[in-house]
Amino acid sequence: MTRVVFETGAVGYVHSHFHAQLKYGESGEFDALVDGVEKRRRAGDSVYLDPNVVHGVVCREAGVLLDMFSQARERVLKEIKA
């Protein structure tokens, strides 16, 4: 699990990965793009992403997203530890 803090206007670039992902909005407001569909997400919202689904966010109000992955994203864990 990772906890990602976003300032207003920050972008979580559009990407995909082979991991399944569960995303939970701890706070803030985001425009989330998932598989070509954009939807406003707010604190308390969650979304499950199948592996290889294209997704990204734009932060509209400063906030925090919790991202949980299955299987662990080793590259992300290495970056956090660095």
N, C-alpha and C. Protein backbone atom coordinates (compact mmCIF):
# COMPACT_ATOMS: atom_id res chain seq x y z
N MET A 1 0.85 -1.17 0.00
CA MET A 1 0.00 0.00 0.00
C MET A 1 0.89 1.23 0.00
N THR A 2 0.48 2.24 -0.76
CA THR A 2 1.18 3.51 -0.74
C THR A 2 0.17 4.62 -0.43
N ARG A 3 0.67 5.67 0.19
CA ARG A 3 -0.14 6.86 0.51
C ARG A 3 0.48 8.01 -0.29
N VAL A 4 -0.29 8.55 -1.24
CA VAL A 4 0.23 9.56 -2.14
C VAL A 4 -0.47 10.89 -1.87
N VAL A 5 0.33 11.91 -1.56
CA VAL A 5 -0.19 13.24 -1.26
C VAL A 5 -0.12 14.09 -2.53
N PHE A 6 -1.24 14.72 -2.89
CA PHE A 6 -1.34 15.54 -4.09
C PHE A 6 -1.68 16.98 -3.71
N GLU A 7 -1.03 17.92 -4.36
CA GLU A 7 -1.40 19.32 -4.27
C GLU A 7 -2.39 19.61 -5.41
N THR A 8 -3.20 20.63 -5.26
CA THR A 8 -4.14 21.02 -6.31
C THR A 8 -3.39 21.21 -7.63
N GLY A 9 -3.90 20.59 -8.69
CA GLY A 9 -3.30 20.69 -10.01
C GLY A 9 -2.29 19.60 -10.33
N ALA A 10 -1.88 18.84 -9.33
CA ALA A 10 -0.91 17.76 -9.57
C ALA A 10 -1.55 16.68 -10.45
N VAL A 11 -0.69 16.01 -11.22
CA VAL A 11 -1.16 15.00 -12.17
C VAL A 11 -0.53 13.65 -11.85
N GLY A 12 -1.35 12.64 -11.74
CA GLY A 12 -0.89 11.24 -11.72
C GLY A 12 -1.00 10.78 -13.17
N TYR A 13 0.13 10.73 -13.86
CA TYR A 13 0.12 10.52 -15.31
C TYR A 13 -0.64 9.25 -15.72
N VAL A 14 -1.16 9.27 -16.92
CA VAL A 14 -1.92 8.13 -17.46
C VAL A 14 -0.95 7.00 -17.75
N HIS A 15 -1.27 5.81 -17.22
CA HIS A 15 -0.38 4.66 -17.36
C HIS A 15 -1.18 3.37 -17.13
N SER A 16 -0.51 2.26 -17.26
CA SER A 16 -1.09 0.96 -16.91
C SER A 16 0.04 0.09 -16.38
N HIS A 17 -0.34 -0.99 -15.70
CA HIS A 17 0.63 -1.95 -15.17
C HIS A 17 -0.07 -3.29 -15.00
N PHE A 18 0.72 -4.33 -14.85
CA PHE A 18 0.13 -5.67 -14.77
C PHE A 18 -0.42 -6.01 -13.38
N HIS A 19 -0.35 -5.08 -12.46
CA HIS A 19 -0.85 -5.29 -11.11
C HIS A 19 -2.34 -4.92 -11.03
N ALA A 20 -3.12 -5.67 -10.26
CA ALA A 20 -4.46 -5.23 -9.89
C ALA A 20 -4.28 -4.11 -8.86
N GLN A 21 -5.21 -3.16 -8.83
CA GLN A 21 -5.05 -2.01 -7.93
C GLN A 21 -6.39 -1.62 -7.33
N LEU A 22 -6.36 -1.27 -6.06
CA LEU A 22 -7.50 -0.69 -5.37
C LEU A 22 -7.08 0.70 -4.93
N LYS A 23 -7.87 1.70 -5.29
CA LYS A 23 -7.55 3.10 -5.00
C LYS A 23 -8.64 3.64 -4.08
N TYR A 24 -8.24 4.29 -2.98
CA TYR A 24 -9.18 4.87 -2.01
C TYR A 24 -8.84 6.33 -1.77
N GLY A 25 -9.84 7.20 -1.86
CA GLY A 25 -9.64 8.62 -1.62
C GLY A 25 -9.76 8.94 -0.14
N GLU A 26 -8.62 9.24 0.48
CA GLU A 26 -8.61 9.61 1.89
C GLU A 26 -9.13 11.03 2.07
N SER A 27 -8.75 11.92 1.14
CA SER A 27 -9.20 13.31 1.19
C SER A 27 -9.04 13.92 -0.19
N GLY A 28 -9.60 15.11 -0.39
CA GLY A 28 -9.43 15.83 -1.64
C GLY A 28 -10.47 15.47 -2.68
N GLU A 29 -10.19 15.95 -3.90
CA GLU A 29 -11.09 15.74 -5.04
C GLU A 29 -10.24 15.56 -6.29
N PHE A 30 -10.57 14.56 -7.09
CA PHE A 30 -9.76 14.18 -8.25
C PHE A 30 -10.64 13.90 -9.45
N ASP A 31 -10.15 14.24 -10.63
CA ASP A 31 -10.74 13.75 -11.88
C ASP A 31 -9.94 12.52 -12.24
N ALA A 32 -10.61 11.37 -12.21
CA ALA A 32 -9.93 10.10 -12.46
C ALA A 32 -10.33 9.55 -13.82
N LEU A 33 -9.33 9.21 -14.61
CA LEU A 33 -9.54 8.57 -15.89
C LEU A 33 -9.27 7.08 -15.73
N VAL A 34 -10.27 6.26 -16.02
CA VAL A 34 -10.14 4.80 -15.92
C VAL A 34 -10.69 4.18 -17.19
N ASP A 35 -9.82 3.57 -17.96
CA ASP A 35 -10.22 2.86 -19.18
C ASP A 35 -11.03 3.77 -20.11
N GLY A 36 -10.57 5.02 -20.25
CA GLY A 36 -11.20 5.96 -21.18
C GLY A 36 -12.38 6.73 -20.62
N VAL A 37 -12.79 6.45 -19.38
CA VAL A 37 -13.93 7.13 -18.77
C VAL A 37 -13.43 8.01 -17.63
N GLU A 38 -13.79 9.31 -17.70
CA GLU A 38 -13.37 10.22 -16.64
C GLU A 38 -14.53 10.43 -15.67
N LYS A 39 -14.21 10.44 -14.36
CA LYS A 39 -15.22 10.60 -13.33
C LYS A 39 -14.62 11.36 -12.16
N ARG A 40 -15.39 12.26 -11.57
CA ARG A 40 -14.95 13.00 -10.38
C ARG A 40 -14.99 12.05 -9.18
N ARG A 41 -13.87 11.99 -8.46
CA ARG A 41 -13.76 11.15 -7.25
C ARG A 41 -13.48 12.04 -6.06
N ARG A 42 -14.14 11.73 -4.94
CA ARG A 42 -14.01 12.53 -3.72
C ARG A 42 -13.59 11.65 -2.55
N ALA A 43 -13.28 12.29 -1.44
CA ALA A 43 -12.90 11.55 -0.23
C ALA A 43 -13.96 10.49 0.06
N GLY A 44 -13.49 9.27 0.37
CA GLY A 44 -14.38 8.16 0.66
C GLY A 44 -14.70 7.28 -0.53
N ASP A 45 -14.42 7.77 -1.75
CA ASP A 45 -14.64 6.96 -2.95
C ASP A 45 -13.51 5.96 -3.12
N SER A 46 -13.84 4.83 -3.74
CA SER A 46 -12.81 3.85 -4.08
C SER A 46 -13.09 3.30 -5.47
N VAL A 47 -12.06 2.73 -6.06
CA VAL A 47 -12.20 2.13 -7.38
C VAL A 47 -11.22 0.96 -7.48
N TYR A 48 -11.69 -0.13 -8.07
CA TYR A 48 -10.84 -1.29 -8.34
C TYR A 48 -10.42 -1.24 -9.80
N LEU A 49 -9.14 -1.47 -10.05
CA LEU A 49 -8.60 -1.48 -11.41
C LEU A 49 -8.06 -2.87 -11.73
N ASP A 50 -8.61 -3.48 -12.77
CA ASP A 50 -8.07 -4.74 -13.24
C ASP A 50 -6.65 -4.52 -13.77
N PRO A 51 -5.84 -5.56 -13.85
CA PRO A 51 -4.51 -5.43 -14.44
C PRO A 51 -4.60 -4.86 -15.86
N ASN A 52 -3.61 -4.03 -16.21
CA ASN A 52 -3.43 -3.46 -17.54
C ASN A 52 -4.48 -2.42 -17.95
N VAL A 53 -5.31 -1.96 -17.02
CA VAL A 53 -6.28 -0.91 -17.33
C VAL A 53 -5.56 0.44 -17.31
N VAL A 54 -5.76 1.24 -18.35
CA VAL A 54 -5.16 2.56 -18.44
C VAL A 54 -5.89 3.49 -17.46
N HIS A 55 -5.10 4.23 -16.64
CA HIS A 55 -5.70 5.11 -15.64
C HIS A 55 -4.76 6.25 -15.26
N GLY A 56 -5.33 7.29 -14.67
CA GLY A 56 -4.56 8.44 -14.20
C GLY A 56 -5.50 9.40 -13.48
N VAL A 57 -4.94 10.40 -12.81
CA VAL A 57 -5.76 11.38 -12.08
C VAL A 57 -5.20 12.79 -12.26
N VAL A 58 -6.10 13.76 -12.10
CA VAL A 58 -5.73 15.16 -11.97
C VAL A 58 -6.36 15.63 -10.67
N CYS A 59 -5.55 16.19 -9.78
CA CYS A 59 -6.04 16.63 -8.48
C CYS A 59 -6.73 17.99 -8.62
N ARG A 60 -7.99 18.07 -8.24
CA ARG A 60 -8.77 19.31 -8.32
C ARG A 60 -8.81 20.03 -6.98
N GLU A 61 -8.66 19.27 -5.88
CA GLU A 61 -8.58 19.84 -4.53
C GLU A 61 -7.55 19.01 -3.77
N ALA A 62 -6.55 19.65 -3.20
CA ALA A 62 -5.46 18.93 -2.54
C ALA A 62 -5.99 17.76 -1.71
N GLY A 63 -5.31 16.63 -1.79
CA GLY A 63 -5.79 15.46 -1.08
C GLY A 63 -4.81 14.31 -1.09
N VAL A 64 -5.30 13.18 -0.60
CA VAL A 64 -4.47 11.98 -0.44
C VAL A 64 -5.20 10.78 -1.04
N LEU A 65 -4.47 9.98 -1.81
CA LEU A 65 -4.98 8.71 -2.32
C LEU A 65 -4.18 7.56 -1.71
N LEU A 66 -4.89 6.52 -1.32
CA LEU A 66 -4.25 5.28 -0.88
C LEU A 66 -4.35 4.30 -2.03
N ASP A 67 -3.20 3.75 -2.45
CA ASP A 67 -3.15 2.79 -3.54
C ASP A 67 -2.66 1.45 -3.00
N MET A 68 -3.45 0.42 -3.25
CA MET A 68 -3.09 -0.94 -2.84
C MET A 68 -2.94 -1.79 -4.09
N PHE A 69 -1.89 -2.59 -4.14
CA PHE A 69 -1.56 -3.38 -5.33
C PHE A 69 -1.46 -4.86 -5.01
N SER A 70 -1.84 -5.66 -5.98
CA SER A 70 -1.65 -7.10 -5.89
C SER A 70 -1.11 -7.55 -7.24
N GLN A 71 -0.04 -8.01 -7.29
CA GLN A 71 1.09 -8.29 -6.44
C GLN A 71 1.82 -7.00 -6.13
N ALA A 72 2.69 -7.01 -5.15
CA ALA A 72 3.40 -5.79 -4.75
C ALA A 72 4.14 -5.19 -5.93
N ARG A 73 4.16 -3.86 -6.01
CA ARG A 73 4.91 -3.17 -7.07
C ARG A 73 6.32 -2.93 -6.55
N GLU A 74 7.21 -3.84 -6.86
CA GLU A 74 8.59 -3.79 -6.37
C GLU A 74 9.30 -2.49 -6.73
N ARG A 75 9.08 -1.97 -7.95
CA ARG A 75 9.74 -0.73 -8.37
C ARG A 75 9.32 0.42 -7.46
N VAL A 76 8.05 0.51 -7.13
CA VAL A 76 7.54 1.57 -6.27
C VAL A 76 8.14 1.42 -4.88
N LEU A 77 8.20 0.22 -4.36
CA LEU A 77 8.77 -0.01 -3.03
C LEU A 77 10.24 0.41 -2.98
N LYS A 78 10.99 0.15 -4.05
CA LYS A 78 12.39 0.55 -4.11
C LYS A 78 12.51 2.06 -4.12
N GLU A 79 11.64 2.75 -4.86
CA GLU A 79 11.68 4.22 -4.92
C GLU A 79 11.36 4.83 -3.55
N ILE A 80 10.43 4.26 -2.83
CA ILE A 80 10.04 4.76 -1.52
C ILE A 80 11.19 4.62 -0.53
N LYS A 81 11.91 3.51 -0.61
CA LYS A 81 13.01 3.22 0.32
C LYS A 81 14.24 4.07 0.02
N ALA A 82 14.36 4.58 -1.21
CA ALA A 82 15.56 5.34 -1.62
C ALA A 82 15.62 6.70 -0.97
